[in-house]
N, C-alpha and C. Protein backbone atom coordinates (compact mmCIF):
# COMPACT_ATOMS: atom_id res chain seq x y z
N MET A 1 -17.71 -10.55 -19.35
CA MET A 1 -17.48 -8.73 -19.32
C MET A 1 -16.99 -8.60 -18.39
N GLU A 2 -15.11 -7.94 -18.72
CA GLU A 2 -14.47 -7.40 -17.72
C GLU A 2 -14.75 -6.41 -16.90
N SER A 3 -15.60 -5.01 -17.32
CA SER A 3 -15.99 -4.35 -16.21
C SER A 3 -17.00 -4.78 -15.15
N ASP A 4 -17.63 -6.14 -15.17
CA ASP A 4 -18.84 -6.57 -14.30
C ASP A 4 -17.53 -7.58 -13.21
N PHE A 5 -16.44 -8.10 -13.83
CA PHE A 5 -15.50 -8.76 -12.99
C PHE A 5 -14.84 -7.76 -12.37
N ASP A 6 -14.45 -6.59 -12.86
CA ASP A 6 -13.53 -5.34 -12.32
C ASP A 6 -14.34 -4.85 -11.50
N GLU A 7 -15.92 -4.45 -11.22
CA GLU A 7 -16.52 -4.11 -10.15
C GLU A 7 -16.98 -4.95 -9.06
N LYS A 8 -17.52 -6.26 -9.79
CA LYS A 8 -17.48 -7.72 -8.31
C LYS A 8 -15.86 -7.71 -7.80
N LEU A 9 -15.11 -7.60 -8.10
CA LEU A 9 -13.68 -7.74 -7.64
C LEU A 9 -13.52 -6.65 -7.02
N ILE A 10 -13.74 -5.01 -6.91
CA ILE A 10 -13.59 -4.47 -6.14
C ILE A 10 -14.52 -4.08 -4.89
N GLU A 11 -15.48 -4.78 -4.93
CA GLU A 11 -16.23 -4.96 -4.07
C GLU A 11 -15.95 -5.25 -3.04
N PHE A 12 -15.78 -7.07 -3.64
CA PHE A 12 -14.83 -8.38 -2.45
C PHE A 12 -13.73 -7.81 -1.75
N VAL A 13 -12.49 -6.69 -2.68
CA VAL A 13 -11.13 -6.75 -2.01
C VAL A 13 -12.02 -4.84 -0.77
N ARG A 14 -12.47 -4.44 -1.32
CA ARG A 14 -13.39 -2.89 -0.39
C ARG A 14 -13.56 -3.88 0.93
N GLU A 15 -14.69 -5.21 0.88
CA GLU A 15 -14.60 -5.52 2.08
C GLU A 15 -13.92 -6.09 3.13
N ALA A 16 -13.04 -6.41 2.54
CA ALA A 16 -11.35 -7.12 2.95
C ALA A 16 -10.50 -6.19 3.01
N GLU A 17 -10.27 -5.23 3.97
CA GLU A 17 -9.86 -4.53 4.20
C GLU A 17 -8.08 -4.69 4.33
N MET A 18 -7.51 -5.42 4.91
CA MET A 18 -6.09 -6.27 4.83
C MET A 18 -5.82 -6.60 3.74
N LEU A 19 -6.64 -6.19 2.78
CA LEU A 19 -5.84 -6.33 1.13
C LEU A 19 -5.51 -4.89 0.78
N TRP A 20 -5.71 -4.00 1.11
CA TRP A 20 -5.83 -2.52 0.60
C TRP A 20 -5.38 -1.52 1.60
N SER A 21 -5.58 -2.05 3.21
CA SER A 21 -5.56 -0.98 4.06
C SER A 21 -3.82 -1.28 4.89
N LYS A 22 -3.11 -0.59 4.79
CA LYS A 22 -1.46 -0.66 5.58
C LYS A 22 -1.92 -0.65 7.00
N LYS A 23 -3.19 0.23 7.70
CA LYS A 23 -3.34 0.79 8.90
C LYS A 23 -4.21 -0.61 9.15
N SER A 24 -4.62 -1.81 8.78
CA SER A 24 -5.19 -2.80 9.02
C SER A 24 -4.20 -3.83 9.61
N ARG A 25 -4.22 -4.06 11.18
CA ARG A 25 -3.20 -4.88 11.91
C ARG A 25 -2.93 -6.61 10.97
N TYR A 26 -3.95 -6.46 10.39
CA TYR A 26 -3.27 -8.12 9.41
C TYR A 26 -2.89 -7.72 7.59
N TYR A 27 -2.13 -6.36 7.60
CA TYR A 27 -2.10 -6.28 6.09
C TYR A 27 -0.76 -7.10 5.79
N LYS A 28 -0.12 -6.96 6.83
CA LYS A 28 1.26 -8.22 6.67
C LYS A 28 1.31 -9.76 6.97
N ASN A 29 0.01 -10.12 7.28
CA ASN A 29 -0.25 -11.61 7.34
C ASN A 29 -0.33 -11.94 5.98
N THR A 30 0.60 -12.75 5.41
CA THR A 30 0.44 -13.37 4.27
C THR A 30 -0.14 -14.68 3.93
N PRO A 31 -0.19 -15.80 5.01
CA PRO A 31 -1.22 -16.26 4.74
C PRO A 31 -2.79 -16.25 5.19
N MET A 32 -2.92 -15.53 5.46
CA MET A 32 -4.72 -14.78 6.02
C MET A 32 -5.07 -13.88 4.41
N LYS A 33 -3.85 -13.47 4.20
CA LYS A 33 -4.51 -12.92 2.78
C LYS A 33 -4.26 -13.82 1.73
N LEU A 34 -3.68 -14.62 1.66
CA LEU A 34 -3.91 -15.99 0.94
C LEU A 34 -5.24 -16.45 0.91
N ARG A 35 -5.22 -16.59 1.81
CA ARG A 35 -7.07 -16.85 2.19
C ARG A 35 -8.45 -16.50 1.62
N ILE A 36 -8.12 -15.51 1.65
CA ILE A 36 -8.95 -14.04 1.45
C ILE A 36 -9.07 -14.20 -0.21
N TRP A 37 -7.82 -14.20 -0.36
CA TRP A 37 -7.53 -14.05 -2.24
C TRP A 37 -8.35 -15.06 -2.97
N THR A 38 -8.59 -16.51 -2.22
CA THR A 38 -8.57 -17.90 -2.99
C THR A 38 -9.76 -17.73 -2.73
N GLU A 39 -11.36 -17.25 -1.58
CA GLU A 39 -12.09 -16.82 -1.39
C GLU A 39 -12.57 -15.89 -2.28
N ILE A 40 -11.97 -15.30 -2.41
CA ILE A 40 -12.36 -13.98 -4.01
C ILE A 40 -12.37 -14.95 -4.87
N SER A 41 -11.02 -15.21 -5.38
CA SER A 41 -11.14 -15.91 -6.66
C SER A 41 -12.10 -17.09 -6.69
N GLY A 42 -12.80 -17.60 -5.98
CA GLY A 42 -13.74 -18.55 -5.96
C GLY A 42 -14.72 -17.90 -6.15
N LYS A 43 -15.35 -16.79 -5.92
CA LYS A 43 -16.67 -16.33 -5.96
C LYS A 43 -16.52 -15.50 -7.43
N LEU A 44 -15.56 -15.33 -7.82
CA LEU A 44 -15.56 -14.78 -9.00
C LEU A 44 -15.13 -15.60 -10.43
N ASN A 45 -15.17 -17.17 -9.82
CA ASN A 45 -14.55 -18.23 -10.82
C ASN A 45 -13.16 -18.17 -11.88
N SER A 46 -12.20 -17.29 -11.27
CA SER A 46 -11.02 -17.17 -11.66
C SER A 46 -9.77 -18.22 -10.97
N THR A 47 -8.48 -17.41 -11.42
CA THR A 47 -7.32 -17.78 -10.11
C THR A 47 -7.12 -16.65 -9.22
N VAL A 48 -6.45 -17.29 -8.58
CA VAL A 48 -6.10 -15.81 -7.27
C VAL A 48 -4.83 -15.17 -8.22
N GLU A 49 -4.14 -16.09 -9.05
CA GLU A 49 -3.34 -14.96 -9.40
C GLU A 49 -3.45 -14.10 -10.20
N GLU A 50 -4.39 -14.15 -11.59
CA GLU A 50 -5.47 -13.38 -12.13
C GLU A 50 -6.09 -12.07 -11.84
N CYS A 51 -6.67 -12.70 -10.15
CA CYS A 51 -7.81 -11.80 -9.42
C CYS A 51 -6.42 -10.69 -8.65
N ILE A 52 -5.48 -11.21 -8.32
CA ILE A 52 -3.97 -10.01 -7.68
C ILE A 52 -3.52 -9.30 -8.82
N ARG A 53 -3.46 -9.98 -9.95
CA ARG A 53 -3.02 -9.28 -11.34
C ARG A 53 -3.88 -8.17 -11.47
N ARG A 54 -5.18 -8.57 -11.20
CA ARG A 54 -6.48 -7.20 -12.17
C ARG A 54 -6.01 -6.13 -10.50
N TRP A 55 -6.11 -6.86 -9.79
CA TRP A 55 -6.72 -5.65 -9.13
C TRP A 55 -5.34 -4.72 -8.57
N LYS A 56 -4.00 -5.68 -8.77
CA LYS A 56 -2.80 -4.14 -9.18
C LYS A 56 -3.21 -3.22 -10.33
N THR A 57 -3.79 -3.56 -10.95
CA THR A 57 -3.43 -3.12 -12.25
C THR A 57 -4.67 -1.61 -12.32
N LEU A 58 -6.09 -2.46 -11.89
CA LEU A 58 -6.67 -1.30 -11.08
C LEU A 58 -6.17 -0.69 -10.01
N ARG A 59 -5.61 -0.97 -9.07
CA ARG A 59 -4.88 0.01 -8.11
C ARG A 59 -4.11 1.31 -8.57
N ASP A 60 -3.12 0.34 -9.52
CA ASP A 60 -2.30 1.41 -9.89
C ASP A 60 -2.61 2.17 -10.95
N ARG A 61 -3.87 1.86 -11.96
CA ARG A 61 -4.25 2.89 -12.67
C ARG A 61 -5.31 3.98 -11.85
N PHE A 62 -5.94 3.59 -10.51
CA PHE A 62 -6.51 4.61 -10.31
C PHE A 62 -5.67 5.56 -9.20
N SER A 63 -3.99 5.23 -8.83
CA SER A 63 -3.12 6.04 -8.41
C SER A 63 -2.93 6.69 -9.19
N ARG A 64 -2.70 6.00 -10.75
CA ARG A 64 -2.40 7.15 -11.34
C ARG A 64 -3.47 8.54 -12.01
N GLU A 65 -4.45 8.11 -12.61
CA GLU A 65 -5.74 8.30 -12.24
C GLU A 65 -6.00 10.03 -11.20
N ILE A 66 -5.50 9.73 -9.99
CA ILE A 66 -5.83 10.75 -8.94
C ILE A 66 -4.33 11.75 -9.12
N LYS A 67 -3.57 11.05 -9.53
CA LYS A 67 -2.23 12.26 -9.84
C LYS A 67 -2.71 13.03 -10.90
N LYS A 68 -3.24 13.01 -11.80
CA LYS A 68 -3.85 13.37 -13.08
C LYS A 68 -4.67 14.01 -12.69
N LYS A 69 -5.58 13.73 -12.00
CA LYS A 69 -6.92 14.97 -11.40
C LYS A 69 -6.30 15.94 -10.49
N ASP A 70 -5.03 15.60 -9.84
CA ASP A 70 -4.34 16.49 -8.92
C ASP A 70 -3.70 17.47 -9.89
N MET A 71 -3.04 17.47 -10.96
CA MET A 71 -2.12 18.31 -11.55
C MET A 71 -2.99 19.55 -11.82
N PRO A 72 -2.27 20.89 -11.61
CA PRO A 72 -2.70 22.03 -12.59
C PRO A 72 -3.11 21.82 -13.95
N SER A 73 -4.39 22.56 -13.70
CA SER A 73 -4.90 23.10 -15.09
C SER A 73 -4.13 23.18 -16.52
N GLY A 74 -4.19 22.44 -17.24
CA GLY A 74 -3.44 23.07 -18.41
C GLY A 74 -2.11 21.86 -18.26
N SER A 75 -1.72 21.57 -17.42
CA SER A 75 -0.12 20.11 -17.72
C SER A 75 -0.66 19.05 -17.56
N ALA A 76 -2.03 18.83 -18.20
CA ALA A 76 -2.07 17.34 -18.42
C ALA A 76 -2.56 17.05 -20.17
N GLY A 77 -2.46 18.01 -20.47
CA GLY A 77 -2.51 18.22 -22.12
C GLY A 77 -3.79 18.15 -22.17
N CYS A 78 -4.35 17.50 -23.36
CA CYS A 78 -6.12 17.26 -23.77
C CYS A 78 -6.78 16.51 -22.38
N SER A 79 -7.68 17.00 -22.38
CA SER A 79 -8.67 16.14 -21.36
C SER A 79 -9.24 15.60 -21.82
N ARG A 80 -9.34 14.19 -21.13
CA ARG A 80 -10.02 12.97 -21.52
C ARG A 80 -11.18 12.62 -19.85
N PRO A 81 -11.92 11.83 -20.39
CA PRO A 81 -13.11 11.88 -20.18
C PRO A 81 -12.89 10.66 -18.84
N GLU A 82 -13.55 11.10 -17.60
CA GLU A 82 -13.08 10.25 -16.57
C GLU A 82 -13.16 9.50 -16.66
N TRP A 83 -12.38 8.21 -15.82
CA TRP A 83 -12.47 6.70 -15.44
C TRP A 83 -13.56 6.00 -14.64
N SER A 84 -13.98 5.63 -15.81
CA SER A 84 -15.80 4.99 -15.29
C SER A 84 -15.40 3.99 -13.65
N LEU A 85 -13.57 3.67 -13.45
CA LEU A 85 -14.62 2.53 -11.91
C LEU A 85 -13.65 3.67 -10.92
N LEU A 86 -13.09 5.08 -11.68
CA LEU A 86 -12.74 5.95 -10.75
C LEU A 86 -13.52 6.48 -9.14
N ALA A 87 -15.14 6.48 -9.22
CA ALA A 87 -15.34 6.85 -7.67
C ALA A 87 -15.84 5.50 -7.22
N THR A 88 -15.40 4.48 -8.12
CA THR A 88 -16.03 3.07 -7.24
C THR A 88 -14.85 2.66 -6.23
N LEU A 89 -13.57 3.36 -6.76
CA LEU A 89 -12.39 3.28 -6.02
C LEU A 89 -11.76 4.08 -5.13
N GLU A 90 -12.23 5.06 -4.56
CA GLU A 90 -12.33 6.44 -3.76
C GLU A 90 -12.03 5.78 -2.60
N PHE A 91 -12.56 4.80 -2.11
CA PHE A 91 -11.96 3.62 -0.82
C PHE A 91 -10.20 3.91 -0.54
N LEU A 92 -9.46 4.08 -1.42
CA LEU A 92 -7.97 3.75 -2.10
C LEU A 92 -7.45 5.11 -1.59
N LYS A 93 -8.30 6.26 -1.64
CA LYS A 93 -7.79 7.27 -1.96
C LYS A 93 -6.43 7.49 -0.90
N ASP A 94 -7.14 7.33 0.63
CA ASP A 94 -6.25 7.74 1.55
C ASP A 94 -4.68 6.54 1.81
N SER A 95 -5.05 5.21 1.01
CA SER A 95 -3.60 4.04 1.34
C SER A 95 -2.98 4.52 0.22
N VAL A 96 -3.43 5.15 -1.17
CA VAL A 96 -2.42 4.91 -2.17
C VAL A 96 -1.49 6.39 -1.86
N THR A 97 -0.32 5.75 -1.88
CA THR A 97 0.76 7.22 -2.08
C THR A 97 1.68 7.61 -2.87
N SER A 98 2.21 8.61 -3.05
CA SER A 98 2.90 8.73 -3.98
C SER A 98 4.35 8.41 -3.89
N ARG A 99 5.27 7.84 -4.42
CA ARG A 99 6.54 7.71 -3.70
C ARG A 99 7.64 8.65 -3.78
N ARG A 100 7.11 9.76 -4.05
CA ARG A 100 8.61 10.93 -4.33
C ARG A 100 8.65 11.66 -3.53
């Protein structure tokens, strides 16, 4: 089940702040980050590449959802139900920034 995978992936990444927080002193330590991704992929019985790809997809979706949520009323067109993982990814809110 993809949603179980996503929830577990989010939980493991949340615990490894260096993977998502630019404030972490290890954020740019690529070998250390690769070691963490290897551990996470082992726990999820997946590949490192698939875990990283899925994480980027989830992070990007979170960023888009936050932007939509912050739009003034009416500018987003029809309203859609809130994404089920939005609250789970709230820990990213301060680290996801707009490129404008």
